[in-house]
């Protein structure tokens, strides 16, 4: 099981640092108050420099190797969608799922707080899938189709079928039974 993402700054601190555009799903830097720079040798100069260079500009614009927007705040790296979720809701999320699986769509209606297991139930199809349906694969040796699903960290075998359509149906029934998101395994 992956480790939980690092704890986010307080809701109050996020409100001091960012504006959020609900239409675009983008974060913008706010003017920073002097108290944010009191640890610096010349806080007035550093504040003026920060506000002159960043205030009102988009924040967290870098895209990591996983395809998510990220940025730095108070010397730590955070993922944009996690910051947005806490900024808007005030809640610390365990994981944040992009409902439409577009990692750059950070509109709040596309984000939901989930546990790791729920997050895994809204994944795209694996790139090495050959059947076109997640959890369905062909045994070339016997010409049969296998169907399986994962739940609570365990693989559940749904059966061996003579034709692909029966294997797909078994998988669809199991996805509904185990609460998979309707986008799971779709392109």
Foldseek 3Di string as FASTA:
>chain_A
DDDFDDWDDALVVLLQFWDADLVQLWIAGAQHDLVVQPVDPDSVVVSVVCCVPGHRHTAQQDADPVGFGWHDDPHDIDTSLQSVQCNVPVDRARDWAQLLNNRHRSNVVRIDRDHPQQNLLQDEADPPDDPLAPQWDADVVVCWIWGWDDDPRDIDTQDIGNDRVVNRVSNVVVSVVRVRRPNYHHD
